[in-house]
């Protein structure tokens, strides 16, 4: 689903800060070697993640859904000097590719990778986070949110990707479409939850921004 015309989208991208060379390289390698390259945040959304991180200037970042590490590197652009990013993904085959680019960034020592089920990993993290990015299996968005909320600092930001799901959140949901059902429920939760204030942005596939009260 396209929210604006292609010409206007091109204009927006062309007037957005350029994609850093390291991320251009990761983008190309992801498209050439990894399945489902459309899962990559990409230039425009990556610059949005970078800008939000720079505004927050976080000490601790949590990312659920690493993929090839593109969004993690964008989020690291705003990290404090001694800050950390903890990122997790269920696909162990991507671990080495992620680490390759984390090391190339010069910030590899501040990025901690976890392979496995995030629902099992998150409770073991004895940290409080300034910034969280959720971009993993849609069925568990609500579960991730509930686990994360007690670990958030007051005023912390939770970003959630794909919350408009190609416009499917407006359509009649098929009985076997668990992802859309889960996202509709998640969006309702964020809208009504007493501990957060939320705005949904029609950026790419939808990005919600929650501020913890």
C-alpha atoms as a PDB file:
ATOM      1  CA  UNK A   1       0.000   0.000   0.000  1.00  0.00           C
ATOM      2  CA  UNK A   2       1.433   3.374  -1.040  1.00  0.00           C
ATOM      3  CA  UNK A   3       0.543   6.334   1.189  1.00  0.00           C
ATOM      4  CA  UNK A   4       1.926   8.975  -1.191  1.00  0.00           C
ATOM      5  CA  UNK A   5       2.719   9.037  -4.905  1.00  0.00           C
ATOM      6  CA  UNK A   6       6.007   7.617  -6.148  1.00  0.00           C
ATOM      7  CA  UNK A   7       7.127  11.047  -7.356  1.00  0.00           C
ATOM      8  CA  UNK A   8       6.501  12.608  -3.970  1.00  0.00           C
ATOM      9  CA  UNK A   9       8.170   9.666  -2.228  1.00  0.00           C
ATOM     10  CA  UNK A  10      11.224  10.114  -4.442  1.00  0.00           C
ATOM     11  CA  UNK A  11      11.289  13.804  -3.545  1.00  0.00           C
ATOM     12  CA  UNK A  12      11.143  13.008   0.170  1.00  0.00           C
ATOM     13  CA  UNK A  13      13.996  10.504  -0.082  1.00  0.00           C
ATOM     14  CA  UNK A  14      16.091  12.800  -2.284  1.00  0.00           C
ATOM     15  CA  UNK A  15      15.778  15.578   0.296  1.00  0.00           C
ATOM     16  CA  UNK A  16      16.673  13.337   3.229  1.00  0.00           C
ATOM     17  CA  UNK A  17      20.214  12.939   4.522  1.00  0.00           C
ATOM     18  CA  UNK A  18      22.224  10.519   2.406  1.00  0.00           C
ATOM     19  CA  UNK A  19      22.659   6.916   3.469  1.00  0.00           C
ATOM     20  CA  UNK A  20      26.120   6.453   5.067  1.00  0.00           C
ATOM     21  CA  UNK A  21      28.579   4.439   2.973  1.00  0.00           C
ATOM     22  CA  UNK A  22      28.758   1.546   5.450  1.00  0.00           C
ATOM     23  CA  UNK A  23      24.986   1.183   5.357  1.00  0.00           C
ATOM     24  CA  UNK A  24      24.987   1.374   1.569  1.00  0.00           C
ATOM     25  CA  UNK A  25      27.408  -1.548   1.590  1.00  0.00           C
ATOM     26  CA  UNK A  26      25.262  -3.520   4.039  1.00  0.00           C
ATOM     27  CA  UNK A  27      22.164  -2.726   1.996  1.00  0.00           C
ATOM     28  CA  UNK A  28      23.806  -4.113  -1.175  1.00  0.00           C
ATOM     29  CA  UNK A  29      25.098  -7.252   0.544  1.00  0.00           C
ATOM     30  CA  UNK A  30      21.708  -7.922   2.140  1.00  0.00           C
ATOM     31  CA  UNK A  31      19.937  -7.628  -1.221  1.00  0.00           C
ATOM     32  CA  UNK A  32      22.500  -9.868  -2.901  1.00  0.00           C
ATOM     33  CA  UNK A  33      22.847 -12.631  -0.307  1.00  0.00           C
ATOM     34  CA  UNK A  34      19.937 -12.696   2.164  1.00  0.00           C
ATOM     35  CA  UNK A  35      16.339 -13.841   1.751  1.00  0.00           C
ATOM     36  CA  UNK A  36      13.551 -11.252   2.023  1.00  0.00           C
ATOM     37  CA  UNK A  37      15.723  -8.134   1.666  1.00  0.00           C
ATOM     38  CA  UNK A  38      12.581  -5.974   1.888  1.00  0.00           C
ATOM     39  CA  UNK A  39      12.779  -6.591   5.654  1.00  0.00           C
ATOM     40  CA  UNK A  40      15.710  -4.168   5.720  1.00  0.00           C
ATOM     41  CA  UNK A  41      14.847  -0.768   7.205  1.00  0.00           C
ATOM     42  CA  UNK A  42      16.484   0.945   4.237  1.00  0.00           C
ATOM     43  CA  UNK A  43      17.681   4.470   3.559  1.00  0.00           C
ATOM     44  CA  UNK A  44      14.660   6.599   4.477  1.00  0.00           C
ATOM     45  CA  UNK A  45      13.449   4.718   7.547  1.00  0.00           C
ATOM     46  CA  UNK A  46      17.034   4.223   8.626  1.00  0.00           C
ATOM     47  CA  UNK A  47      17.565   7.998   8.672  1.00  0.00           C
ATOM     48  CA  UNK A  48      14.412   8.363  10.751  1.00  0.00           C
ATOM     49  CA  UNK A  49      15.715   5.837  13.292  1.00  0.00           C
ATOM     50  CA  UNK A  50      19.041   7.640  13.337  1.00  0.00           C
ATOM     51  CA  UNK A  51      17.391  11.028  13.915  1.00  0.00           C
ATOM     52  CA  UNK A  52      15.192   9.739  16.748  1.00  0.00           C
ATOM     53  CA  UNK A  53      18.203   8.146  18.411  1.00  0.00           C
ATOM     54  CA  UNK A  54      20.232  11.343  18.090  1.00  0.00           C
ATOM     55  CA  UNK A  55      17.398  13.343  19.658  1.00  0.00           C
ATOM     56  CA  UNK A  56      17.082  10.924  22.590  1.00  0.00           C
ATOM     57  CA  UNK A  57      20.847  10.338  22.933  1.00  0.00           C
ATOM     58  CA  UNK A  58      20.212   6.993  24.675  1.00  0.00           C
ATOM     59  CA  UNK A  59      22.475   5.106  27.028  1.00  0.00           C
ATOM     60  CA  UNK A  60      20.793   1.707  26.618  1.00  0.00           C
ATOM     61  CA  UNK A  61      18.997   0.577  23.450  1.00  0.00           C
ATOM     62  CA  UNK A  62      17.062  -2.653  22.965  1.00  0.00           C
ATOM     63  CA  UNK A  63      16.267  -4.003  19.501  1.00  0.00           C
ATOM     64  CA  UNK A  64      13.984  -6.976  18.891  1.00  0.00           C
ATOM     65  CA  UNK A  65      14.630  -8.251  15.383  1.00  0.00           C
ATOM     66  CA  UNK A  66      18.178  -7.652  14.182  1.00  0.00           C
ATOM     67  CA  UNK A  67      17.910  -9.068  10.657  1.00  0.00           C
ATOM     68  CA  UNK A  68      21.253  -8.076   9.071  1.00  0.00           C
ATOM     69  CA  UNK A  69      22.013  -5.255  11.518  1.00  0.00           C
ATOM     70  CA  UNK A  70      21.050  -2.233   9.429  1.00  0.00           C
ATOM     71  CA  UNK A  71      18.591  -0.705  11.905  1.00  0.00           C
ATOM     72  CA  UNK A  72      20.940  -1.434  14.812  1.00  0.00           C
ATOM     73  CA  UNK A  73      23.672   0.625  13.156  1.00  0.00           C
ATOM     74  CA  UNK A  74      21.207   3.456  12.538  1.00  0.00           C
ATOM     75  CA  UNK A  75      20.171   3.450  16.193  1.00  0.00           C
ATOM     76  CA  UNK A  76      23.819   3.415  17.275  1.00  0.00           C
ATOM     77  CA  UNK A  77      24.358   6.787  15.602  1.00  0.00           C
ATOM     78  CA  UNK A  78      22.800   8.521  18.600  1.00  0.00           C
ATOM     79  CA  UNK A  79      24.241   6.364  21.389  1.00  0.00           C
ATOM     80  CA  UNK A  80      26.067   7.903  24.333  1.00  0.00           C
ATOM     81  CA  UNK A  81      29.829   7.416  24.423  1.00  0.00           C
ATOM     82  CA  UNK A  82      29.640   4.532  26.900  1.00  0.00           C
ATOM     83  CA  UNK A  83      26.189   3.329  25.817  1.00  0.00           C
ATOM     84  CA  UNK A  84      25.123  -0.149  24.762  1.00  0.00           C
ATOM     85  CA  UNK A  85      22.788  -1.665  22.211  1.00  0.00           C
ATOM     86  CA  UNK A  86      21.326  -5.109  22.888  1.00  0.00           C
ATOM     87  CA  UNK A  87      19.865  -6.732  19.786  1.00  0.00           C
ATOM     88  CA  UNK A  88      18.259 -10.125  19.333  1.00  0.00           C
ATOM     89  CA  UNK A  89      17.167 -12.303  16.448  1.00  0.00           C
ATOM     90  CA  UNK A  90      15.982 -15.883  16.166  1.00  0.00           C
ATOM     91  CA  UNK A  91      17.974 -16.563  12.963  1.00  0.00           C
ATOM     92  CA  UNK A  92      21.474 -17.719  13.916  1.00  0.00           C
ATOM     93  CA  UNK A  93      22.558 -17.815  10.260  1.00  0.00           C
ATOM     94  CA  UNK A  94      22.682 -14.001  10.208  1.00  0.00           C
ATOM     95  CA  UNK A  95      24.916 -13.653  13.280  1.00  0.00           C
ATOM     96  CA  UNK A  96      28.238 -13.470  11.427  1.00  0.00           C
ATOM     97  CA  UNK A  97      26.971 -10.969   8.852  1.00  0.00           C
ATOM     98  CA  UNK A  98      25.647  -8.746  11.631  1.00  0.00           C
ATOM     99  CA  UNK A  99      28.934  -8.917  13.513  1.00  0.00           C
ATOM    100  CA  UNK A 100      30.934  -8.153  10.368  1.00  0.00           C
ATOM    101  CA  UNK A 101      29.225  -4.784   9.969  1.00  0.00           C
ATOM    102  CA  UNK A 102      29.077  -4.044  13.695  1.00  0.00           C
ATOM    103  CA  UNK A 103      32.868  -4.347  13.787  1.00  0.00           C
ATOM    104  CA  UNK A 104      33.251  -2.272  10.628  1.00  0.00           C
ATOM    105  CA  UNK A 105      31.310   0.525  12.312  1.00  0.00           C
ATOM    106  CA  UNK A 106      33.929   0.833  15.048  1.00  0.00           C
ATOM    107  CA  UNK A 107      31.195   0.370  17.664  1.00  0.00           C
ATOM    108  CA  UNK A 108      31.211  -3.412  17.810  1.00  0.00           C
ATOM    109  CA  UNK A 109      32.277  -3.462  21.443  1.00  0.00           C
ATOM    110  CA  UNK A 110      29.089  -1.671  22.421  1.00  0.00           C
ATOM    111  CA  UNK A 111      26.727  -3.956  20.501  1.00  0.00           C
ATOM    112  CA  UNK A 112      25.594  -7.175  22.166  1.00  0.00           C
ATOM    113  CA  UNK A 113      23.976  -9.881  20.030  1.00  0.00           C
ATOM    114  CA  UNK A 114      21.552 -12.522  21.240  1.00  0.00           C
ATOM    115  CA  UNK A 115      20.278 -15.455  19.211  1.00  0.00           C
ATOM    116  CA  UNK A 116      17.032 -17.103  20.231  1.00  0.00           C
ATOM    117  CA  UNK A 117      13.500 -16.346  21.348  1.00  0.00           C
ATOM    118  CA  UNK A 118      13.259 -12.750  22.554  1.00  0.00           C
ATOM    119  CA  UNK A 119      10.509 -13.748  24.999  1.00  0.00           C
ATOM    120  CA  UNK A 120      13.087 -15.855  26.815  1.00  0.00           C
ATOM    121  CA  UNK A 121      15.959 -13.374  26.502  1.00  0.00           C
ATOM    122  CA  UNK A 122      14.313 -10.101  27.560  1.00  0.00           C
ATOM    123  CA  UNK A 123      13.505 -11.156  31.150  1.00  0.00           C
ATOM    124  CA  UNK A 124      17.181 -12.014  31.679  1.00  0.00           C
ATOM    125  CA  UNK A 125      18.387  -8.505  30.809  1.00  0.00           C
ATOM    126  CA  UNK A 126      19.024  -6.589  34.025  1.00  0.00           C
ATOM    127  CA  UNK A 127      18.905  -3.182  32.354  1.00  0.00           C
ATOM    128  CA  UNK A 128      16.640  -0.179  31.901  1.00  0.00           C
ATOM    129  CA  UNK A 129      16.251   1.201  28.397  1.00  0.00           C
ATOM    130  CA  UNK A 130      15.919   4.692  26.937  1.00  0.00           C
ATOM    131  CA  UNK A 131      15.018   3.452  23.451  1.00  0.00           C
ATOM    132  CA  UNK A 132      13.494   0.237  22.094  1.00  0.00           C
ATOM    133  CA  UNK A 133      12.839  -0.812  18.505  1.00  0.00           C
ATOM    134  CA  UNK A 134      10.422  -3.693  17.883  1.00  0.00           C
ATOM    135  CA  UNK A 135      10.645  -5.223  14.410  1.00  0.00           C
ATOM    136  CA  UNK A 136      10.140  -8.965  14.777  1.00  0.00           C
ATOM    137  CA  UNK A 137       7.276 -11.495  14.564  1.00  0.00           C
ATOM    138  CA  UNK A 138       4.024  -9.563  14.662  1.00  0.00           C
ATOM    139  CA  UNK A 139       2.114 -12.131  16.716  1.00  0.00           C
ATOM    140  CA  UNK A 140       4.281 -11.328  19.730  1.00  0.00           C
ATOM    141  CA  UNK A 141       4.312  -7.515  19.584  1.00  0.00           C
ATOM    142  CA  UNK A 142       1.973  -7.290  22.574  1.00  0.00           C
ATOM    143  CA  UNK A 143       4.032  -9.829  24.515  1.00  0.00           C
ATOM    144  CA  UNK A 144       7.238  -7.920  23.788  1.00  0.00           C
ATOM    145  CA  UNK A 145       5.612  -4.673  24.875  1.00  0.00           C
ATOM    146  CA  UNK A 146       4.462  -6.122  28.182  1.00  0.00           C
ATOM    147  CA  UNK A 147       7.944  -7.495  28.914  1.00  0.00           C
ATOM    148  CA  UNK A 148       9.665  -4.276  27.919  1.00  0.00           C
ATOM    149  CA  UNK A 149       7.490  -1.741  29.708  1.00  0.00           C
ATOM    150  CA  UNK A 150       8.784  -2.475  33.240  1.00  0.00           C
ATOM    151  CA  UNK A 151      12.343  -2.088  31.909  1.00  0.00           C
ATOM    152  CA  UNK A 152      11.754   1.339  30.370  1.00  0.00           C
ATOM    153  CA  UNK A 153      13.036   4.563  31.865  1.00  0.00           C
ATOM    154  CA  UNK A 154      10.461   7.288  32.383  1.00  0.00           C
ATOM    155  CA  UNK A 155      10.287   9.281  29.168  1.00  0.00           C
ATOM    156  CA  UNK A 156      11.763   6.373  27.234  1.00  0.00           C
ATOM    157  CA  UNK A 157      10.686   5.687  23.662  1.00  0.00           C
ATOM    158  CA  UNK A 158       9.352   2.447  22.162  1.00  0.00           C
ATOM    159  CA  UNK A 159       9.336   2.287  18.354  1.00  0.00           C
ATOM    160  CA  UNK A 160       7.275  -0.406  16.609  1.00  0.00           C
ATOM    161  CA  UNK A 161       7.605  -1.139  12.900  1.00  0.00           C
ATOM    162  CA  UNK A 162       5.030  -2.434  10.390  1.00  0.00           C
ATOM    163  CA  UNK A 163       2.017  -1.343  12.429  1.00  0.00           C
ATOM    164  CA  UNK A 164      -0.034  -0.521   9.322  1.00  0.00           C
ATOM    165  CA  UNK A 165       0.867  -3.811   7.643  1.00  0.00           C
ATOM    166  CA  UNK A 166       0.377  -2.681   4.034  1.00  0.00           C
ATOM    167  CA  UNK A 167      -3.029  -1.289   4.957  1.00  0.00           C
ATOM    168  CA  UNK A 168      -4.350  -4.684   6.067  1.00  0.00           C
ATOM    169  CA  UNK A 169      -5.298  -3.211   9.454  1.00  0.00           C
ATOM    170  CA  UNK A 170      -8.209  -1.532   7.617  1.00  0.00           C
ATOM    171  CA  UNK A 171      -9.388  -4.593   5.744  1.00  0.00           C
ATOM    172  CA  UNK A 172     -11.577  -7.511   6.728  1.00  0.00           C
ATOM    173  CA  UNK A 173      -9.197  -9.936   8.395  1.00  0.00           C
ATOM    174  CA  UNK A 174      -9.010 -13.496   7.117  1.00  0.00           C
ATOM    175  CA  UNK A 175      -9.482 -16.190   9.759  1.00  0.00           C
ATOM    176  CA  UNK A 176      -5.940 -17.502   9.354  1.00  0.00           C
ATOM    177  CA  UNK A 177      -4.251 -14.088   9.253  1.00  0.00           C
ATOM    178  CA  UNK A 178      -2.698 -14.040  12.707  1.00  0.00           C
ATOM    179  CA  UNK A 179      -0.264 -11.224  11.966  1.00  0.00           C
ATOM    180  CA  UNK A 180      -2.929  -8.701  11.019  1.00  0.00           C
ATOM    181  CA  UNK A 181      -5.121  -9.729  13.940  1.00  0.00           C
ATOM    182  CA  UNK A 182      -2.181  -9.307  16.312  1.00  0.00           C
ATOM    183  CA  UNK A 183      -1.234  -5.888  14.928  1.00  0.00           C
ATOM    184  CA  UNK A 184      -4.804  -4.572  15.195  1.00  0.00           C
ATOM    185  CA  UNK A 185      -4.884  -5.672  18.839  1.00  0.00           C
ATOM    186  CA  UNK A 186      -1.443  -4.171  19.444  1.00  0.00           C
ATOM    187  CA  UNK A 187      -2.389  -0.804  17.974  1.00  0.00           C
ATOM    188  CA  UNK A 188      -5.492  -0.715  20.173  1.00  0.00           C
ATOM    189  CA  UNK A 189      -3.377  -1.553  23.216  1.00  0.00           C
ATOM    190  CA  UNK A 190      -0.918   1.262  22.558  1.00  0.00           C
ATOM    191  CA  UNK A 191      -3.735   3.723  21.931  1.00  0.00           C
ATOM    192  CA  UNK A 192      -5.469   2.966  25.229  1.00  0.00           C
ATOM    193  CA  UNK A 193      -2.600   2.000  27.546  1.00  0.00           C
ATOM    194  CA  UNK A 194      -2.408   4.329  30.569  1.00  0.00           C
ATOM    195  CA  UNK A 195       1.370   4.204  30.851  1.00  0.00           C
ATOM    196  CA  UNK A 196       2.255   5.402  27.345  1.00  0.00           C
ATOM    197  CA  UNK A 197       1.313   8.103  24.884  1.00  0.00           C
ATOM    198  CA  UNK A 198       1.397   7.004  21.259  1.00  0.00           C
ATOM    199  CA  UNK A 199       1.513   8.438  17.778  1.00  0.00           C
ATOM    200  CA  UNK A 200       1.356   6.378  14.569  1.00  0.00           C
ATOM    201  CA  UNK A 201       3.293   7.664  11.577  1.00  0.00           C
ATOM    202  CA  UNK A 202       2.364   6.557   8.009  1.00  0.00           C
ATOM    203  CA  UNK A 203       6.037   6.013   7.178  1.00  0.00           C
ATOM    204  CA  UNK A 204       6.763   3.081   4.888  1.00  0.00           C
ATOM    205  CA  UNK A 205       4.752   0.243   6.507  1.00  0.00           C
ATOM    206  CA  UNK A 206       3.783   2.269   9.559  1.00  0.00           C
ATOM    207  CA  UNK A 207       5.893   3.263  12.569  1.00  0.00           C
ATOM    208  CA  UNK A 208       4.454   3.891  16.009  1.00  0.00           C
ATOM    209  CA  UNK A 209       6.237   6.000  18.612  1.00  0.00           C
ATOM    210  CA  UNK A 210       5.349   5.447  22.265  1.00  0.00           C
ATOM    211  CA  UNK A 211       6.603   7.653  25.080  1.00  0.00           C
ATOM    212  CA  UNK A 212       6.570   6.087  28.526  1.00  0.00           C
ATOM    213  CA  UNK A 213       4.882   8.312  31.103  1.00  0.00           C
END
